[in-house]
């Protein structure tokens, strides 16, 4: 099972994306509404992939990526 962290401040898009990914099969999605919430969650959980919105209040997707401890290849 692939675990995905989904970060999007728009509830409708978060719900649609979660449904789409989970119905594809073999994917579990953990949806959150903000980058700070995602960063906090990443301290206690690990994910195989992260899908993030770009334009969000407080911290955009690029700043979220830079602030995370995601390995860079």
PDB file of N, CA and C in Angstrom:
ATOM      1  N   UNK A   1       0.846  -1.181   0.000  1.00  0.00           N
ATOM      2  CA  UNK A   1       0.000   0.000   0.000  1.00  0.00           C
ATOM      3  C   UNK A   1       0.890   1.243   0.000  1.00  0.00           C
ATOM      4  N   UNK A   2       0.596   2.174  -0.867  1.00  0.00           N
ATOM      5  CA  UNK A   2       1.330   3.443  -0.961  1.00  0.00           C
ATOM      6  C   UNK A   2       0.629   4.473  -0.093  1.00  0.00           C
ATOM      7  N   UNK A   3       1.405   5.164   0.742  1.00  0.00           N
ATOM      8  CA  UNK A   3       0.825   6.202   1.593  1.00  0.00           C
ATOM      9  C   UNK A   3       1.175   7.575   1.029  1.00  0.00           C
ATOM     10  N   UNK A   4       0.142   8.411   0.881  1.00  0.00           N
ATOM     11  CA  UNK A   4       0.302   9.742   0.299  1.00  0.00           C
ATOM     12  C   UNK A   4      -0.173  10.796   1.283  1.00  0.00           C
ATOM     13  N   UNK A   5       0.656  11.816   1.461  1.00  0.00           N
ATOM     14  CA  UNK A   5       0.254  12.988   2.227  1.00  0.00           C
ATOM     15  C   UNK A   5      -0.242  14.025   1.228  1.00  0.00           C
ATOM     16  N   UNK A   6      -1.485  14.436   1.376  1.00  0.00           N
ATOM     17  CA  UNK A   6      -2.100  15.406   0.468  1.00  0.00           C
ATOM     18  C   UNK A   6      -2.298  16.724   1.211  1.00  0.00           C
ATOM     19  N   UNK A   7      -1.692  17.798   0.684  1.00  0.00           N
ATOM     20  CA  UNK A   7      -1.754  19.106   1.329  1.00  0.00           C
ATOM     21  C   UNK A   7      -2.463  20.080   0.390  1.00  0.00           C
ATOM     22  N   UNK A   8      -3.649  20.521   0.793  1.00  0.00           N
ATOM     23  CA  UNK A   8      -4.410  21.482  -0.014  1.00  0.00           C
ATOM     24  C   UNK A   8      -5.363  22.237   0.897  1.00  0.00           C
ATOM     25  N   UNK A   9      -5.369  23.554   0.774  1.00  0.00           N
ATOM     26  CA  UNK A   9      -6.228  24.371   1.630  1.00  0.00           C
ATOM     27  C   UNK A   9      -7.679  24.398   1.174  1.00  0.00           C
ATOM     28  N   UNK A  10      -7.950  23.949  -0.041  1.00  0.00           N
ATOM     29  CA  UNK A  10      -9.319  23.947  -0.557  1.00  0.00           C
ATOM     30  C   UNK A  10      -9.959  22.583  -0.318  1.00  0.00           C
ATOM     31  N   UNK A  11     -10.961  22.576   0.546  1.00  0.00           N
ATOM     32  CA  UNK A  11     -11.593  21.326   0.966  1.00  0.00           C
ATOM     33  C   UNK A  11     -12.137  20.501  -0.202  1.00  0.00           C
ATOM     34  N   UNK A  12     -12.789  21.151  -1.148  1.00  0.00           N
ATOM     35  CA  UNK A  12     -13.371  20.424  -2.283  1.00  0.00           C
ATOM     36  C   UNK A  12     -12.284  19.709  -3.086  1.00  0.00           C
ATOM     37  N   UNK A  13     -11.189  20.400  -3.379  1.00  0.00           N
ATOM     38  CA  UNK A  13     -10.099  19.774  -4.130  1.00  0.00           C
ATOM     39  C   UNK A  13      -9.436  18.669  -3.324  1.00  0.00           C
ATOM     40  N   UNK A  14      -9.302  18.868  -2.026  1.00  0.00           N
ATOM     41  CA  UNK A  14      -8.734  17.839  -1.156  1.00  0.00           C
ATOM     42  C   UNK A  14      -9.594  16.578  -1.196  1.00  0.00           C
ATOM     43  N   UNK A  15     -10.911  16.768  -1.112  1.00  0.00           N
ATOM     44  CA  UNK A  15     -11.829  15.628  -1.122  1.00  0.00           C
ATOM     45  C   UNK A  15     -11.816  14.902  -2.466  1.00  0.00           C
ATOM     46  N   UNK A  16     -11.848  15.650  -3.563  1.00  0.00           N
ATOM     47  CA  UNK A  16     -11.845  15.044  -4.890  1.00  0.00           C
ATOM     48  C   UNK A  16     -10.555  14.267  -5.131  1.00  0.00           C
ATOM     49  N   UNK A  17      -9.431  14.866  -4.777  1.00  0.00           N
ATOM     50  CA  UNK A  17      -8.140  14.213  -4.987  1.00  0.00           C
ATOM     51  C   UNK A  17      -8.020  12.965  -4.125  1.00  0.00           C
ATOM     52  N   UNK A  18      -8.455  13.048  -2.885  1.00  0.00           N
ATOM     53  CA  UNK A  18      -8.427  11.881  -1.996  1.00  0.00           C
ATOM     54  C   UNK A  18      -9.245  10.748  -2.584  1.00  0.00           C
ATOM     55  N   UNK A  19     -10.451  11.043  -3.007  1.00  0.00           N
ATOM     56  CA  UNK A  19     -11.323  10.024  -3.590  1.00  0.00           C
ATOM     57  C   UNK A  19     -10.698   9.422  -4.838  1.00  0.00           C
ATOM     58  N   UNK A  20     -10.185  10.252  -5.729  1.00  0.00           N
ATOM     59  CA  UNK A  20      -9.576   9.780  -6.972  1.00  0.00           C
ATOM     60  C   UNK A  20      -8.402   8.842  -6.691  1.00  0.00           C
ATOM     61  N   UNK A  21      -7.510   9.251  -5.803  1.00  0.00           N
ATOM     62  CA  UNK A  21      -6.329   8.432  -5.521  1.00  0.00           C
ATOM     63  C   UNK A  21      -6.689   7.119  -4.833  1.00  0.00           C
ATOM     64  N   UNK A  22      -7.589   7.174  -3.867  1.00  0.00           N
ATOM     65  CA  UNK A  22      -7.947   5.954  -3.147  1.00  0.00           C
ATOM     66  C   UNK A  22      -8.739   4.986  -4.009  1.00  0.00           C
ATOM     67  N   UNK A  23      -9.557   5.503  -4.916  1.00  0.00           N
ATOM     68  CA  UNK A  23     -10.319   4.616  -5.798  1.00  0.00           C
ATOM     69  C   UNK A  23      -9.433   3.964  -6.857  1.00  0.00           C
ATOM     70  N   UNK A  24      -8.253   4.540  -7.099  1.00  0.00           N
ATOM     71  CA  UNK A  24      -7.306   3.939  -8.044  1.00  0.00           C
ATOM     72  C   UNK A  24      -6.807   2.603  -7.508  1.00  0.00           C
ATOM     73  N   UNK A  25      -6.828   2.453  -6.192  1.00  0.00           N
ATOM     74  CA  UNK A  25      -6.425   1.199  -5.563  1.00  0.00           C
ATOM     75  C   UNK A  25      -4.970   1.209  -5.140  1.00  0.00           C
ATOM     76  N   UNK A  26      -4.717   0.616  -3.980  1.00  0.00           N
ATOM     77  CA  UNK A  26      -3.364   0.498  -3.480  1.00  0.00           C
ATOM     78  C   UNK A  26      -2.784   1.774  -2.900  1.00  0.00           C
ATOM     79  N   UNK A  27      -3.623   2.784  -2.678  1.00  0.00           N
ATOM     80  CA  UNK A  27      -3.156   4.067  -2.173  1.00  0.00           C
ATOM     81  C   UNK A  27      -4.017   4.486  -0.983  1.00  0.00           C
ATOM     82  N   UNK A  28      -3.357   4.875   0.100  1.00  0.00           N
ATOM     83  CA  UNK A  28      -4.064   5.489   1.220  1.00  0.00           C
ATOM     84  C   UNK A  28      -3.629   6.951   1.282  1.00  0.00           C
ATOM     85  N   UNK A  29      -4.577   7.829   1.496  1.00  0.00           N
ATOM     86  CA  UNK A  29      -4.310   9.270   1.483  1.00  0.00           C
ATOM     87  C   UNK A  29      -4.577   9.847   2.864  1.00  0.00           C
ATOM     88  N   UNK A  30      -3.640  10.659   3.318  1.00  0.00           N
ATOM     89  CA  UNK A  30      -3.817  11.411   4.564  1.00  0.00           C
ATOM     90  C   UNK A  30      -3.947  12.885   4.170  1.00  0.00           C
ATOM     91  N   UNK A  31      -5.172  13.414   4.089  1.00  0.00           N
ATOM     92  CA  UNK A  31      -5.357  14.807   3.678  1.00  0.00           C
ATOM     93  C   UNK A  31      -5.209  15.786   4.841  1.00  0.00           C
ATOM     94  N   UNK A  32      -4.512  16.893   4.587  1.00  0.00           N
ATOM     95  CA  UNK A  32      -4.395  17.976   5.558  1.00  0.00           C
ATOM     96  C   UNK A  32      -4.620  19.299   4.838  1.00  0.00           C
ATOM     97  N   UNK A  33      -4.968  20.343   5.592  1.00  0.00           N
ATOM     98  CA  UNK A  33      -5.372  21.609   4.977  1.00  0.00           C
ATOM     99  C   UNK A  33      -4.303  22.686   4.935  1.00  0.00           C
ATOM    100  N   UNK A  34      -3.114  22.415   5.495  1.00  0.00           N
ATOM    101  CA  UNK A  34      -2.080  23.453   5.476  1.00  0.00           C
ATOM    102  C   UNK A  34      -0.688  22.837   5.529  1.00  0.00           C
ATOM    103  N   UNK A  35       0.286  23.616   5.064  1.00  0.00           N
ATOM    104  CA  UNK A  35       1.674  23.174   5.105  1.00  0.00           C
ATOM    105  C   UNK A  35       2.165  23.020   6.545  1.00  0.00           C
ATOM    106  N   UNK A  36       1.873  23.969   7.454  1.00  0.00           N
ATOM    107  CA  UNK A  36       2.307  23.766   8.841  1.00  0.00           C
ATOM    108  C   UNK A  36       1.724  22.479   9.464  1.00  0.00           C
ATOM    109  N   UNK A  37       0.484  22.191   9.136  1.00  0.00           N
ATOM    110  CA  UNK A  37      -0.138  20.952   9.636  1.00  0.00           C
ATOM    111  C   UNK A  37       0.598  19.737   9.069  1.00  0.00           C
ATOM    112  N   UNK A  38       0.955  19.793   7.798  1.00  0.00           N
ATOM    113  CA  UNK A  38       1.687  18.696   7.159  1.00  0.00           C
ATOM    114  C   UNK A  38       3.054  18.506   7.795  1.00  0.00           C
ATOM    115  N   UNK A  39       3.767  19.612   8.031  1.00  0.00           N
ATOM    116  CA  UNK A  39       5.090  19.526   8.653  1.00  0.00           C
ATOM    117  C   UNK A  39       4.997  18.892  10.038  1.00  0.00           C
ATOM    118  N   UNK A  40       3.989  19.257  10.790  1.00  0.00           N
ATOM    119  CA  UNK A  40       3.789  18.678  12.114  1.00  0.00           C
ATOM    120  C   UNK A  40       3.516  17.177  12.017  1.00  0.00           C
ATOM    121  N   UNK A  41       2.679  16.792  11.093  1.00  0.00           N
ATOM    122  CA  UNK A  41       2.335  15.386  10.894  1.00  0.00           C
ATOM    123  C   UNK A  41       3.553  14.575  10.458  1.00  0.00           C
ATOM    124  N   UNK A  42       4.409  15.181   9.643  1.00  0.00           N
ATOM    125  CA  UNK A  42       5.595  14.484   9.142  1.00  0.00           C
ATOM    126  C   UNK A  42       6.611  14.192  10.244  1.00  0.00           C
ATOM    127  N   UNK A  43       6.475  14.824  11.396  1.00  0.00           N
ATOM    128  CA  UNK A  43       7.365  14.534  12.516  1.00  0.00           C
ATOM    129  C   UNK A  43       7.059  13.180  13.147  1.00  0.00           C
ATOM    130  N   UNK A  44       5.828  12.709  12.983  1.00  0.00           N
ATOM    131  CA  UNK A  44       5.432  11.449  13.613  1.00  0.00           C
ATOM    132  C   UNK A  44       5.046  10.351  12.632  1.00  0.00           C
ATOM    133  N   UNK A  45       4.860  10.699  11.363  1.00  0.00           N
ATOM    134  CA  UNK A  45       4.470   9.705  10.362  1.00  0.00           C
ATOM    135  C   UNK A  45       5.349   9.832   9.127  1.00  0.00           C
ATOM    136  N   UNK A  46       5.471   8.728   8.400  1.00  0.00           N
ATOM    137  CA  UNK A  46       6.216   8.758   7.141  1.00  0.00           C
ATOM    138  C   UNK A  46       5.259   8.485   5.981  1.00  0.00           C
ATOM    139  N   UNK A  47       5.614   9.002   4.819  1.00  0.00           N
ATOM    140  CA  UNK A  47       4.783   8.869   3.632  1.00  0.00           C
ATOM    141  C   UNK A  47       5.662   8.482   2.445  1.00  0.00           C
ATOM    142  N   UNK A  48       5.069   7.753   1.526  1.00  0.00           N
ATOM    143  CA  UNK A  48       5.787   7.367   0.312  1.00  0.00           C
ATOM    144  C   UNK A  48       5.809   8.502  -0.701  1.00  0.00           C
ATOM    145  N   UNK A  49       4.795   9.360  -0.654  1.00  0.00           N
ATOM    146  CA  UNK A  49       4.705  10.472  -1.607  1.00  0.00           C
ATOM    147  C   UNK A  49       3.937  11.624  -0.964  1.00  0.00           C
ATOM    148  N   UNK A  50       4.219  12.822  -1.475  1.00  0.00           N
ATOM    149  CA  UNK A  50       3.504  14.012  -1.019  1.00  0.00           C
ATOM    150  C   UNK A  50       2.960  14.738  -2.238  1.00  0.00           C
ATOM    151  N   UNK A  51       1.680  15.072  -2.180  1.00  0.00           N
ATOM    152  CA  UNK A  51       1.035  15.871  -3.220  1.00  0.00           C
ATOM    153  C   UNK A  51       0.618  17.167  -2.540  1.00  0.00           C
ATOM    154  N   UNK A  52       1.122  18.293  -3.065  1.00  0.00           N
ATOM    155  CA  UNK A  52       0.862  19.569  -2.410  1.00  0.00           C
ATOM    156  C   UNK A  52       0.383  20.617  -3.403  1.00  0.00           C
ATOM    157  N   UNK A  53      -0.571  21.403  -2.949  1.00  0.00           N
ATOM    158  CA  UNK A  53      -1.003  22.591  -3.668  1.00  0.00           C
ATOM    159  C   UNK A  53       0.158  23.576  -3.664  1.00  0.00           C
ATOM    160  N   UNK A  54       0.182  24.481  -4.637  1.00  0.00           N
ATOM    161  CA  UNK A  54       1.230  25.495  -4.669  1.00  0.00           C
ATOM    162  C   UNK A  54       0.815  26.737  -3.881  1.00  0.00           C
ATOM    163  N   UNK A  55      -0.356  27.286  -4.208  1.00  0.00           N
ATOM    164  CA  UNK A  55      -0.811  28.519  -3.560  1.00  0.00           C
ATOM    165  C   UNK A  55      -1.672  28.195  -2.352  1.00  0.00           C
ATOM    166  N   UNK A  56      -1.079  28.430  -1.176  1.00  0.00           N
ATOM    167  CA  UNK A  56      -1.791  28.232   0.081  1.00  0.00           C
ATOM    168  C   UNK A  56      -1.444  29.389   0.999  1.00  0.00           C
ATOM    169  N   UNK A  57      -2.348  29.727   1.925  1.00  0.00           N
ATOM    170  CA  UNK A  57      -2.022  30.782   2.888  1.00  0.00           C
ATOM    171  C   UNK A  57      -0.917  30.305   3.844  1.00  0.00           C
ATOM    172  N   UNK A  58      -0.257  31.203   4.475  1.00  0.00           N
ATOM    173  CA  UNK A  58       0.793  30.981   5.459  1.00  0.00           C
ATOM    174  C   UNK A  58       2.091  30.492   4.808  1.00  0.00           C
ATOM    175  N   UNK A  59       2.030  29.406   4.049  1.00  0.00           N
ATOM    176  CA  UNK A  59       3.221  28.837   3.431  1.00  0.00           C
ATOM    177  C   UNK A  59       2.825  28.185   2.111  1.00  0.00           C
ATOM    178  N   UNK A  60       3.474  28.599   1.006  1.00  0.00           N
ATOM    179  CA  UNK A  60       3.129  27.984  -0.276  1.00  0.00           C
ATOM    180  C   UNK A  60       3.823  26.633  -0.430  1.00  0.00           C
ATOM    181  N   UNK A  61       3.529  25.938  -1.510  1.00  0.00           N
ATOM    182  CA  UNK A  61       4.062  24.602  -1.732  1.00  0.00           C
ATOM    183  C   UNK A  61       5.575  24.548  -1.823  1.00  0.00           C
ATOM    184  N   UNK A  62       6.193  25.541  -2.433  1.00  0.00           N
ATOM    185  CA  UNK A  62       7.656  25.567  -2.550  1.00  0.00           C
ATOM    186  C   UNK A  62       8.295  25.771  -1.177  1.00  0.00           C
ATOM    187  N   UNK A  63       7.771  26.709  -0.389  1.00  0.00           N
ATOM    188  CA  UNK A  63       8.302  26.926   0.956  1.00  0.00           C
ATOM    189  C   UNK A  63       8.080  25.689   1.835  1.00  0.00           C
ATOM    190  N   UNK A  64       6.957  25.017   1.653  1.00  0.00           N
ATOM    191  CA  UNK A  64       6.687  23.764   2.368  1.00  0.00           C
ATOM    192  C   UNK A  64       7.755  22.734   2.023  1.00  0.00           C
ATOM    193  N   UNK A  65       8.045  22.572   0.748  1.00  0.00           N
ATOM    194  CA  UNK A  65       9.056  21.616   0.311  1.00  0.00           C
ATOM    195  C   UNK A  65      10.419  21.962   0.913  1.00  0.00           C
ATOM    196  N   UNK A  66      10.771  23.238   0.879  1.00  0.00           N
ATOM    197  CA  UNK A  66      12.066  23.671   1.417  1.00  0.00           C
ATOM    198  C   UNK A  66      12.147  23.482   2.929  1.00  0.00           C
ATOM    199  N   UNK A  67      11.019  23.611   3.627  1.00  0.00           N
ATOM    200  CA  UNK A  67      10.999  23.488   5.086  1.00  0.00           C
ATOM    201  C   UNK A  67      10.947  22.045   5.567  1.00  0.00           C
ATOM    202  N   UNK A  68      10.577  21.144   4.684  1.00  0.00           N
ATOM    203  CA  UNK A  68      10.438  19.752   5.070  1.00  0.00           C
ATOM    204  C   UNK A  68      11.793  19.051   5.067  1.00  0.00           C
ATOM    205  N   UNK A  69      11.790  17.862   5.595  1.00  0.00           N
ATOM    206  CA  UNK A  69      13.006  17.048   5.603  1.00  0.00           C
ATOM    207  C   UNK A  69      12.929  16.000   4.497  1.00  0.00           C
ATOM    208  N   UNK A  70      12.307  16.366   3.395  1.00  0.00           N
ATOM    209  CA  UNK A  70      12.173  15.452   2.264  1.00  0.00           C
ATOM    210  C   UNK A  70      13.546  15.288   1.621  1.00  0.00           C
ATOM    211  N   UNK A  71      13.978  14.048   1.410  1.00  0.00           N
ATOM    212  CA  UNK A  71      15.288  13.843   0.766  1.00  0.00           C
ATOM    213  C   UNK A  71      15.311  14.456  -0.634  1.00  0.00           C
ATOM    214  N   UNK A  72      16.387  15.122  -0.962  1.00  0.00           N
ATOM    215  CA  UNK A  72      16.566  15.693  -2.288  1.00  0.00           C
ATOM    216  C   UNK A  72      17.531  14.836  -3.067  1.00  0.00           C
ATOM    217  N   UNK A  73      17.153  14.436  -4.250  1.00  0.00           N
ATOM    218  CA  UNK A  73      18.011  13.594  -5.095  1.00  0.00           C
ATOM    219  C   UNK A  73      18.566  14.373  -6.227  1.00  0.00           C
TER     220      UNK A  73
END
